[in-house]
């Protein structure tokens, strides 16, 4: 009987001890997961503090040491990060992710030669995942790019579009950016094909020998040429110098731009110029852009078309899986008496990128634009209000890292309280995009 009681007590004690250990293990895991959430949300200080406490309880835990190192790097505690990677590799010399992160740390602390050697050695190991190989190759490219004092890249875009109502574009007699019909429009609906070309070259140099601060000179040419409706032809030249700061995943930019617009290609008196100043900040999550721009004619009899435009744009790249973009614009005339210039409009779009395969994507998009004019129209005795809705579907085929092709179909409906400005059109288009790294 005594032996039975002793056995029951021993079993109960063993079970309690086992459950206690499981409870402790669960608490440990909860704290670790909490630290990971803090890290993901970029609250590196909180993540680091939790991981440091967990590390003191278990010096050899690989996951804790790994995230402790990554949090320490974000807080610029590079010595602690290096020690954590050393502990991982002493206990697990085949941990390739730790080797990769350690090699990146070498670059951060400006031991750039050692970083390259470690990355190239790691790349030769067998059994690497495709994702890790891509990450290593991309980081080696990043190191190579940062070695350059000057970078030169170029972008080529070629497109063909069929429109069933081609003359909904403003003619050379009335054209101004963001304006729809500044004069009478023909009654006939005309279909046509246009060809567009876009050429861009960027020359980027380090500024003050700081690899995170760069000065860019951007030269761009764009044109659209119709097969039959020659009056709809249009071309644009621009030069844009900008200063870019790369900091903690953000790109801050301050730029100015000079441009010339040439509608029709014939009458030079219809050419007009533009000047703008802009600033922006972007990262993987969003893009914020502010811009002030002036459009002006040189000819005295055309100066009533000159005006200023102020814009702000916000794009959110992961809005429940969608991309949301909103552009707010205010146009203000100089001294003109025209009633078709002063206006406010809101141009918003919602798109979704669906992967059919590794190289083929579908991108449905909905766009809605509201335009309210400030002055009453002389012809209609009311203030003009336009509403534009566009539905589009783009199929994108990636050819390689530097080029892709896309097929686009869209339907656009522009309604207005002034009948003269109502129109719709359908479009089918093809686009080829190629980027060149020249230096």
Protein backbone atom coordinates (compact mmCIF):
# COMPACT_ATOMS: atom_id res chain seq x y z
CA UNK A 1 0.00 0.00 0.00
CA UNK A 2 2.83 2.36 0.89
CA UNK A 3 4.51 1.59 -2.44
CA UNK A 4 1.29 2.35 -4.35
CA UNK A 5 0.91 5.75 -2.59
CA UNK A 6 4.55 6.54 -3.29
CA UNK A 7 4.09 5.64 -6.98
CA UNK A 8 1.01 7.90 -7.27
CA UNK A 9 2.82 10.83 -5.62
CA UNK A 10 5.83 10.33 -7.89
CA UNK A 11 3.63 10.18 -11.01
CA UNK A 12 1.74 13.31 -9.96
CA UNK A 13 5.02 15.15 -9.31
CA UNK A 14 6.41 14.07 -12.67
CA UNK A 15 3.28 15.16 -14.50
CA UNK A 16 3.22 18.52 -12.70
CA UNK A 17 6.90 19.05 -13.51
CA UNK A 18 6.30 18.19 -17.17
CA UNK A 19 3.30 20.55 -17.41
CA UNK A 20 5.27 23.30 -15.67
CA UNK A 21 8.05 22.95 -18.23
CA UNK A 22 5.50 23.06 -21.06
CA UNK A 23 3.95 26.17 -19.51
CA UNK A 24 7.37 27.82 -19.36
CA UNK A 25 8.06 26.79 -22.94
CA UNK A 26 4.73 28.23 -24.06
CA UNK A 27 5.46 31.51 -22.27
CA UNK A 28 8.90 31.60 -23.93
CA UNK A 29 7.34 31.08 -27.37
CA UNK A 30 4.71 33.73 -26.73
CA UNK A 31 7.40 36.26 -25.88
CA UNK A 32 9.43 35.28 -28.93
CA UNK A 33 6.44 35.66 -31.26
CA UNK A 34 5.66 39.00 -29.65
CA UNK A 35 9.24 40.13 -30.40
CA UNK A 36 8.83 39.04 -34.04
CA UNK A 37 5.65 41.09 -34.35
CA UNK A 38 7.43 44.14 -32.93
CA UNK A 39 10.26 43.59 -35.43
CA UNK A 40 7.85 43.25 -38.37
CA UNK A 41 6.13 46.48 -37.30
CA UNK A 42 9.53 48.22 -37.16
CA UNK A 43 9.38 48.67 -33.37
CA UNK A 44 12.98 47.49 -33.09
CA UNK A 45 13.61 48.78 -29.56
CA UNK A 46 10.77 46.70 -28.06
CA UNK A 47 11.78 43.67 -30.11
CA UNK A 48 15.39 43.94 -28.99
CA UNK A 49 14.47 44.28 -25.28
CA UNK A 50 12.32 41.12 -25.33
CA UNK A 51 14.88 39.10 -27.28
CA UNK A 52 17.66 40.15 -24.94
CA UNK A 53 15.70 38.75 -21.95
CA UNK A 54 14.99 35.52 -23.84
CA UNK A 55 18.65 35.24 -24.78
CA UNK A 56 19.68 35.38 -21.10
CA UNK A 57 17.42 32.35 -20.47
CA UNK A 58 18.81 30.34 -23.39
CA UNK A 59 22.15 31.37 -24.93
CA UNK A 60 22.00 28.78 -27.72
CA UNK A 61 18.51 29.35 -29.15
CA UNK A 62 19.11 29.92 -32.87
CA UNK A 63 15.88 31.80 -33.62
CA UNK A 64 16.31 34.15 -30.66
CA UNK A 65 19.93 34.89 -31.60
CA UNK A 66 18.94 35.46 -35.24
CA UNK A 67 16.25 38.05 -34.46
CA UNK A 68 18.36 39.54 -31.69
CA UNK A 69 21.05 40.17 -34.30
CA UNK A 70 18.60 41.69 -36.80
CA UNK A 71 17.05 43.95 -34.15
CA UNK A 72 20.52 44.99 -32.96
CA UNK A 73 21.49 45.93 -36.54
CA UNK A 74 18.44 48.20 -36.84
CA UNK A 75 19.51 49.89 -33.58
CA UNK A 76 23.13 50.13 -34.82
CA UNK A 77 24.37 47.77 -32.05
CA UNK A 78 26.67 46.06 -34.51
CA UNK A 79 28.95 44.36 -31.95
CA UNK A 80 25.97 42.62 -30.31
CA UNK A 81 24.69 41.56 -33.74
CA UNK A 82 28.06 40.06 -34.70
CA UNK A 83 28.26 38.14 -31.42
CA UNK A 84 24.76 36.72 -32.01
CA UNK A 85 25.68 35.52 -35.51
CA UNK A 86 28.87 33.95 -34.13
CA UNK A 87 26.84 32.00 -31.56
CA UNK A 88 24.50 30.72 -34.28
CA UNK A 89 27.32 29.58 -36.56
CA UNK A 90 29.27 27.93 -33.72
CA UNK A 91 26.25 25.75 -32.95
CA UNK A 92 24.98 25.46 -36.53
CA UNK A 93 27.76 26.01 -39.08
CA UNK A 94 25.43 25.17 -41.98
CA UNK A 95 22.92 27.95 -41.22
CA UNK A 96 23.04 29.74 -44.58
CA UNK A 97 20.55 32.44 -43.71
CA UNK A 98 22.73 33.48 -40.79
CA UNK A 99 25.79 33.47 -43.10
CA UNK A 100 23.94 35.74 -45.52
CA UNK A 101 22.86 38.19 -42.82
CA UNK A 102 26.38 38.21 -41.34
CA UNK A 103 27.84 39.02 -44.78
CA UNK A 104 25.38 41.93 -45.07
CA UNK A 105 26.49 43.12 -41.64
CA UNK A 106 30.09 43.20 -42.90
CA UNK A 107 29.00 45.63 -45.61
CA UNK A 108 27.04 47.79 -43.16
CA UNK A 109 30.11 48.21 -40.93
CA UNK A 110 32.11 49.12 -44.08
CA UNK A 111 34.10 45.89 -44.28
CA UNK A 112 32.99 45.74 -47.90
CA UNK A 113 35.70 43.43 -49.23
CA UNK A 114 35.00 40.82 -46.55
CA UNK A 115 31.28 41.08 -47.28
CA UNK A 116 31.80 40.33 -50.97
CA UNK A 117 34.08 37.38 -50.20
CA UNK A 118 31.54 35.85 -47.80
CA UNK A 119 28.66 36.32 -50.24
CA UNK A 120 30.53 34.83 -53.19
CA UNK A 121 31.69 31.87 -51.05
CA UNK A 122 28.13 31.30 -49.84
CA UNK A 123 26.82 31.41 -53.41
CA UNK A 124 29.03 28.41 -54.29
CA UNK A 125 27.50 26.20 -51.60
CA UNK A 126 25.16 23.44 -52.71
CA UNK A 127 21.53 23.14 -51.71
CA UNK A 128 20.71 26.86 -51.56
CA UNK A 129 17.06 27.75 -52.10
CA UNK A 130 16.15 29.75 -55.21
CA UNK A 131 14.96 32.60 -52.99
CA UNK A 132 18.27 32.76 -51.10
CA UNK A 133 20.27 32.64 -54.36
CA UNK A 134 18.25 35.60 -55.69
CA UNK A 135 18.78 37.52 -52.43
CA UNK A 136 22.55 36.94 -52.53
CA UNK A 137 22.80 37.93 -56.20
CA UNK A 138 20.70 41.06 -55.63
CA UNK A 139 22.87 42.10 -52.69
CA UNK A 140 26.03 41.59 -54.73
CA UNK A 141 24.48 43.81 -57.42
CA UNK A 142 23.68 46.37 -54.73
CA UNK A 143 27.32 46.35 -53.60
CA UNK A 144 28.51 46.75 -57.20
CA UNK A 145 26.11 49.65 -57.76
CA UNK A 146 27.36 51.44 -54.67
CA UNK A 147 30.95 51.14 -55.90
CA UNK A 148 30.05 53.37 -58.82
CA UNK A 149 30.46 57.09 -58.46
CA UNK A 150 28.32 57.50 -61.58
CA UNK A 151 25.42 55.34 -62.82
CA UNK A 152 23.75 55.59 -66.22
CA UNK A 153 20.51 53.82 -67.05
CA UNK A 154 17.93 54.15 -69.78
CA UNK A 155 14.29 53.22 -70.33
CA UNK A 156 12.62 52.51 -73.68
CA UNK A 157 8.85 52.20 -74.07
CA UNK A 158 7.09 51.45 -77.35
CA UNK A 159 3.32 51.20 -77.64
CA UNK A 160 0.49 50.81 -80.15
CA UNK A 161 -3.13 51.71 -79.34
CA UNK A 162 -6.40 51.36 -81.21
CA UNK A 163 -9.14 53.83 -80.15
CA UNK A 164 -12.72 53.80 -81.39
CA UNK A 165 -13.06 57.53 -80.68
CA UNK A 166 -9.67 59.06 -81.41
CA UNK A 167 -10.71 62.71 -81.50
CA UNK A 168 -11.63 62.75 -77.82
CA UNK A 169 -8.04 63.96 -77.46
CA UNK A 170 -7.76 67.77 -77.65
CA UNK A 171 -6.71 69.10 -81.06
CA UNK A 172 -3.57 71.17 -81.62
CA UNK A 173 -5.76 74.30 -81.64
CA UNK A 174 -6.88 73.89 -78.04
CA UNK A 175 -4.53 71.40 -76.35
CA UNK A 176 -3.33 71.86 -72.77
CA UNK A 177 -2.37 69.15 -70.26
CA UNK A 178 -5.29 67.80 -68.20
CA UNK A 179 -7.83 69.72 -70.31
CA UNK A 180 -10.64 68.01 -72.14
CA UNK A 181 -12.10 70.00 -75.05
CA UNK A 182 -11.19 73.65 -74.93
CA UNK A 183 -13.12 74.33 -78.08
CA UNK A 184 -15.79 72.87 -80.29
CA UNK A 185 -15.39 69.20 -81.17
CA UNK A 186 -16.35 67.45 -84.36
CA UNK A 187 -19.61 65.54 -84.45
CA UNK A 188 -18.18 62.44 -86.10
CA UNK A 189 -16.73 59.59 -84.06
CA UNK A 190 -13.41 58.62 -85.61
CA UNK A 191 -11.44 55.46 -84.89
CA UNK A 192 -7.69 55.40 -85.40
CA UNK A 193 -4.38 53.85 -84.33
CA UNK A 194 -1.65 55.76 -82.53
CA UNK A 195 1.97 54.90 -81.85
CA UNK A 196 3.74 56.13 -78.76
CA UNK A 197 7.44 56.27 -77.94
CA UNK A 198 9.09 57.05 -74.63
CA UNK A 199 12.85 57.43 -74.25
CA UNK A 200 14.47 58.24 -70.93
CA UNK A 201 18.09 58.40 -69.80
CA UNK A 202 19.24 58.98 -66.22
CA UNK A 203 22.73 60.00 -65.11
CA UNK A 204 23.13 59.54 -61.36
CA UNK A 205 26.15 60.62 -59.32
CA UNK A 206 26.96 60.39 -55.66
CA UNK A 207 26.54 63.72 -53.92
CA UNK A 208 29.26 64.81 -51.48
CA UNK A 209 30.75 61.29 -51.75
CA UNK A 210 27.81 59.91 -49.74
CA UNK A 211 26.44 56.65 -51.18
CA UNK A 212 23.00 57.40 -49.69
CA UNK A 213 22.75 60.85 -51.26
CA UNK A 214 22.57 61.01 -55.04
CA UNK A 215 22.13 63.69 -57.70
CA UNK A 216 20.24 62.61 -60.81
CA UNK A 217 19.91 64.22 -64.23
CA UNK A 218 16.95 62.80 -66.15
CA UNK A 219 16.29 63.48 -69.85
CA UNK A 220 12.98 62.37 -71.38
CA UNK A 221 11.31 62.39 -74.79
CA UNK A 222 7.72 61.25 -75.35
CA UNK A 223 5.50 61.36 -78.40
CA UNK A 224 2.15 60.08 -79.64
CA UNK A 225 1.49 59.91 -83.38
CA UNK A 226 -1.79 58.98 -85.03
CA UNK A 227 -2.02 57.17 -88.33
CA UNK A 228 -4.80 59.39 -89.73
CA UNK A 229 -5.78 62.05 -87.16
CA UNK A 230 -2.57 64.05 -87.49
CA UNK A 231 -3.95 66.99 -85.51
CA UNK A 232 -3.97 64.77 -82.43
CA UNK A 233 -0.20 64.26 -82.59
CA UNK A 234 1.78 65.38 -79.58
CA UNK A 235 5.36 65.35 -78.30
CA UNK A 236 7.09 66.39 -75.11
CA UNK A 237 10.70 67.01 -74.01
CA UNK A 238 11.86 67.43 -70.43
CA UNK A 239 14.94 67.77 -68.27
CA UNK A 240 14.67 66.96 -64.57
CA UNK A 241 17.52 67.36 -62.07
CA UNK A 242 16.80 65.83 -58.66
CA UNK A 243 18.44 65.12 -55.32
CA UNK A 244 17.63 61.74 -53.74
CA UNK A 245 18.29 60.56 -50.21
CA UNK A 246 18.15 56.82 -49.43
CA UNK A 247 17.53 56.21 -45.75
CA UNK A 248 16.18 53.13 -43.90
CA UNK A 249 14.13 51.85 -46.82
CA UNK A 250 12.78 55.31 -47.74
CA UNK A 251 13.69 57.38 -50.79
CA UNK A 252 13.31 61.14 -50.34
CA UNK A 253 13.43 63.29 -53.45
CA UNK A 254 13.54 67.00 -54.29
CA UNK A 255 13.34 67.84 -58.00
CA UNK A 256 12.70 70.51 -60.57
CA UNK A 257 11.70 70.00 -64.18
CA UNK A 258 11.77 72.00 -67.42
CA UNK A 259 9.52 70.81 -70.24
CA UNK A 260 8.34 71.71 -73.70
CA UNK A 261 5.04 70.53 -75.20
CA UNK A 262 4.59 70.51 -78.95
CA UNK A 263 1.07 69.77 -80.17
CA UNK A 264 0.52 69.16 -83.86
CA UNK A 265 4.21 69.35 -84.87
CA UNK A 266 3.46 72.22 -87.25
CA UNK A 267 2.66 75.65 -85.83
CA UNK A 268 5.39 76.62 -83.34
CA UNK A 269 3.20 79.37 -81.93
CA UNK A 270 1.16 76.61 -80.28
CA UNK A 271 4.17 75.24 -78.39
CA UNK A 272 4.15 75.84 -74.67
CA UNK A 273 6.63 75.31 -71.86
CA UNK A 274 6.37 74.11 -68.29
CA UNK A 275 8.35 74.50 -65.11
CA UNK A 276 7.74 72.60 -61.90
CA UNK A 277 9.17 71.90 -58.45
CA UNK A 278 8.32 68.67 -56.67
CA UNK A 279 9.16 66.61 -53.62
CA UNK A 280 8.35 63.01 -52.76
CA UNK A 281 8.93 60.16 -50.34
CA UNK A 282 8.48 56.51 -51.24
CA UNK A 283 9.04 53.04 -49.84
CA UNK A 284 7.58 49.58 -50.40
CA UNK A 285 4.33 50.60 -48.65
CA UNK A 286 3.45 54.02 -50.08
CA UNK A 287 4.40 56.91 -52.37
CA UNK A 288 3.67 60.55 -51.49
CA UNK A 289 4.22 63.29 -54.09
CA UNK A 290 3.80 67.10 -53.98
CA UNK A 291 4.16 69.25 -57.09
CA UNK A 292 3.79 72.89 -58.19
CA UNK A 293 3.82 73.51 -61.94
CA UNK A 294 3.38 76.38 -64.38
CA UNK A 295 2.39 76.11 -68.04
CA UNK A 296 3.01 79.15 -70.19
CA UNK A 297 3.01 80.28 -73.83
CA UNK A 298 5.60 82.66 -75.24
CA UNK A 299 3.26 84.21 -77.84
CA UNK A 300 1.29 87.22 -76.58
CA UNK A 301 -1.96 86.10 -78.22
CA UNK A 302 -1.74 82.72 -76.48
CA UNK A 303 -1.00 83.90 -72.96
CA UNK A 304 -4.62 83.62 -71.92
CA UNK A 305 -4.01 79.85 -71.83
CA UNK A 306 -1.16 80.06 -69.31
CA UNK A 307 -1.91 78.71 -65.84
CA UNK A 308 -0.49 77.11 -62.67
CA UNK A 309 -1.23 73.65 -61.34
CA UNK A 310 -0.72 72.33 -57.78
CA UNK A 311 -0.84 68.61 -57.12
CA UNK A 312 -0.58 66.09 -54.32
CA UNK A 313 -0.62 62.35 -54.86
CA UNK A 314 -0.77 59.45 -52.40
CA UNK A 315 -0.33 55.85 -53.48
CA UNK A 316 -0.71 52.97 -51.03
CA UNK A 317 0.88 49.81 -52.41
CA UNK A 318 -0.74 47.19 -50.19
CA UNK A 319 -4.30 48.17 -49.35
CA UNK A 320 -5.76 44.73 -48.51
CA UNK A 321 -3.80 43.41 -51.49
CA UNK A 322 -4.83 46.32 -53.75
CA UNK A 323 -2.96 49.41 -54.92
CA UNK A 324 -4.84 52.63 -54.18
CA UNK A 325 -3.82 55.92 -55.78
CA UNK A 326 -5.36 59.37 -55.33
CA UNK A 327 -4.32 62.56 -57.12
CA UNK A 328 -5.65 65.96 -56.01
CA UNK A 329 -5.10 68.93 -58.36
CA UNK A 330 -5.91 72.63 -58.29
CA UNK A 331 -5.51 74.63 -61.52
CA UNK A 332 -5.31 78.43 -61.33
CA UNK A 333 -5.20 80.86 -64.27
CA UNK A 334 -2.84 83.84 -64.32
CA UNK A 335 -4.73 86.91 -65.57
CA UNK A 336 -6.96 85.26 -68.12
CA UNK A 337 -10.71 85.83 -68.28
CA UNK A 338 -11.27 82.26 -69.50
CA UNK A 339 -13.83 80.25 -67.57
CA UNK A 340 -12.39 76.83 -68.47
CA UNK A 341 -9.13 76.98 -66.48
CA UNK A 342 -9.75 77.42 -62.75
CA UNK A 343 -10.80 74.02 -61.46
CA UNK A 344 -10.30 71.31 -58.86
CA UNK A 345 -10.20 67.63 -59.62
CA UNK A 346 -9.75 64.37 -57.79
CA UNK A 347 -8.39 61.43 -59.80
CA UNK A 348 -8.45 58.08 -57.98
CA UNK A 349 -7.73 54.51 -59.04
CA UNK A 350 -7.88 51.07 -57.49
CA UNK A 351 -5.97 48.15 -59.01
CA UNK A 352 -5.11 44.58 -58.13
CA UNK A 353 -2.21 42.45 -59.36
CA UNK A 354 -3.06 38.76 -59.73
CA UNK A 355 -0.28 36.26 -60.46
CA UNK A 356 -1.24 33.71 -63.11
CA UNK A 357 2.32 32.31 -62.98
CA UNK A 358 5.83 33.45 -62.08
CA UNK A 359 6.00 35.58 -65.24
CA UNK A 360 2.38 36.41 -66.14
CA UNK A 361 0.17 38.85 -64.20
CA UNK A 362 -3.34 40.22 -64.54
CA UNK A 363 -4.03 43.78 -63.40
CA UNK A 364 -7.68 44.92 -63.35
CA UNK A 365 -8.10 48.61 -62.58
CA UNK A 366 -10.94 51.01 -61.83
CA UNK A 367 -10.39 54.76 -62.22
CA UNK A 368 -12.74 57.58 -61.25
CA UNK A 369 -12.13 61.29 -61.81
CA UNK A 370 -14.21 64.26 -60.63
CA UNK A 371 -13.63 67.74 -62.10
CA UNK A 372 -15.36 70.88 -60.78
CA UNK A 373 -14.82 74.23 -62.49
CA UNK A 374 -14.74 77.43 -60.45
CA UNK A 375 -16.32 79.79 -63.00
CA UNK A 376 -19.61 79.73 -64.83
CA UNK A 377 -19.39 78.86 -68.51
CA UNK A 378 -20.35 81.77 -70.76
CA UNK A 379 -22.06 79.36 -73.17
CA UNK A 380 -24.03 77.36 -70.57
CA UNK A 381 -24.43 79.90 -67.72
CA UNK A 382 -23.59 77.17 -65.22
CA UNK A 383 -20.45 75.82 -63.63
CA UNK A 384 -19.12 72.83 -65.52
CA UNK A 385 -18.79 69.44 -63.76
CA UNK A 386 -17.20 66.42 -65.41
CA UNK A 387 -17.15 62.82 -64.17
CA UNK A 388 -14.90 60.24 -65.78
CA UNK A 389 -15.02 56.49 -65.15
CA UNK A 390 -12.52 54.09 -66.71
CA UNK A 391 -12.39 50.30 -66.52
CA UNK A 392 -9.25 48.55 -67.69
CA UNK A 393 -7.59 45.14 -67.69
CA UNK A 394 -3.87 44.73 -68.27
CA UNK A 395 -2.06 41.44 -68.89
CA UNK A 396 1.65 41.69 -68.12
CA UNK A 397 4.24 39.19 -69.32
CA UNK A 398 7.66 39.48 -67.71
CA UNK A 399 10.45 38.62 -70.16
CA UNK A 400 13.36 39.04 -67.74
CA UNK A 401 14.44 41.36 -64.92
CA UNK A 402 14.77 44.34 -67.26
CA UNK A 403 11.86 44.01 -69.69
CA UNK A 404 8.20 43.12 -70.03
CA UNK A 405 5.27 43.39 -72.44
CA UNK A 406 1.67 44.21 -71.64
CA UNK A 407 -1.71 44.07 -73.36
CA UNK A 408 -4.32 46.57 -72.23
CA UNK A 409 -8.01 46.90 -72.91
CA UNK A 410 -10.10 49.73 -71.44
CA UNK A 411 -13.43 51.50 -71.62
CA UNK A 412 -13.72 55.17 -70.66
CA UNK A 413 -16.93 57.10 -70.05
CA UNK A 414 -16.78 60.86 -69.53
CA UNK A 415 -20.07 62.46 -68.48
CA UNK A 416 -20.71 66.16 -67.89
CA UNK A 417 -23.50 68.58 -67.03
CA UNK A 418 -22.46 70.36 -70.26
CA UNK A 419 -23.42 68.14 -73.20
CA UNK A 420 -20.54 69.31 -75.37
CA UNK A 421 -18.05 67.59 -73.09
CA UNK A 422 -19.63 64.14 -72.94
CA UNK A 423 -17.75 61.34 -74.69
CA UNK A 424 -16.61 57.74 -74.37
CA UNK A 425 -14.00 55.56 -76.00
CA UNK A 426 -12.66 52.03 -75.97
CA UNK A 427 -9.00 51.17 -76.33
CA UNK A 428 -6.90 48.12 -77.06
CA UNK A 429 -3.17 48.58 -76.61
CA UNK A 430 0.19 46.86 -76.63
CA UNK A 431 3.24 48.07 -74.69
CA UNK A 432 6.87 46.97 -74.64
CA UNK A 433 9.12 48.20 -71.82
CA UNK A 434 12.89 47.68 -71.66
CA UNK A 435 15.39 49.02 -69.14
CA UNK A 436 19.09 49.28 -69.94
CA UNK A 437 21.90 49.58 -67.40
CA UNK A 438 24.48 51.44 -69.44
CA UNK A 439 27.05 51.94 -66.67
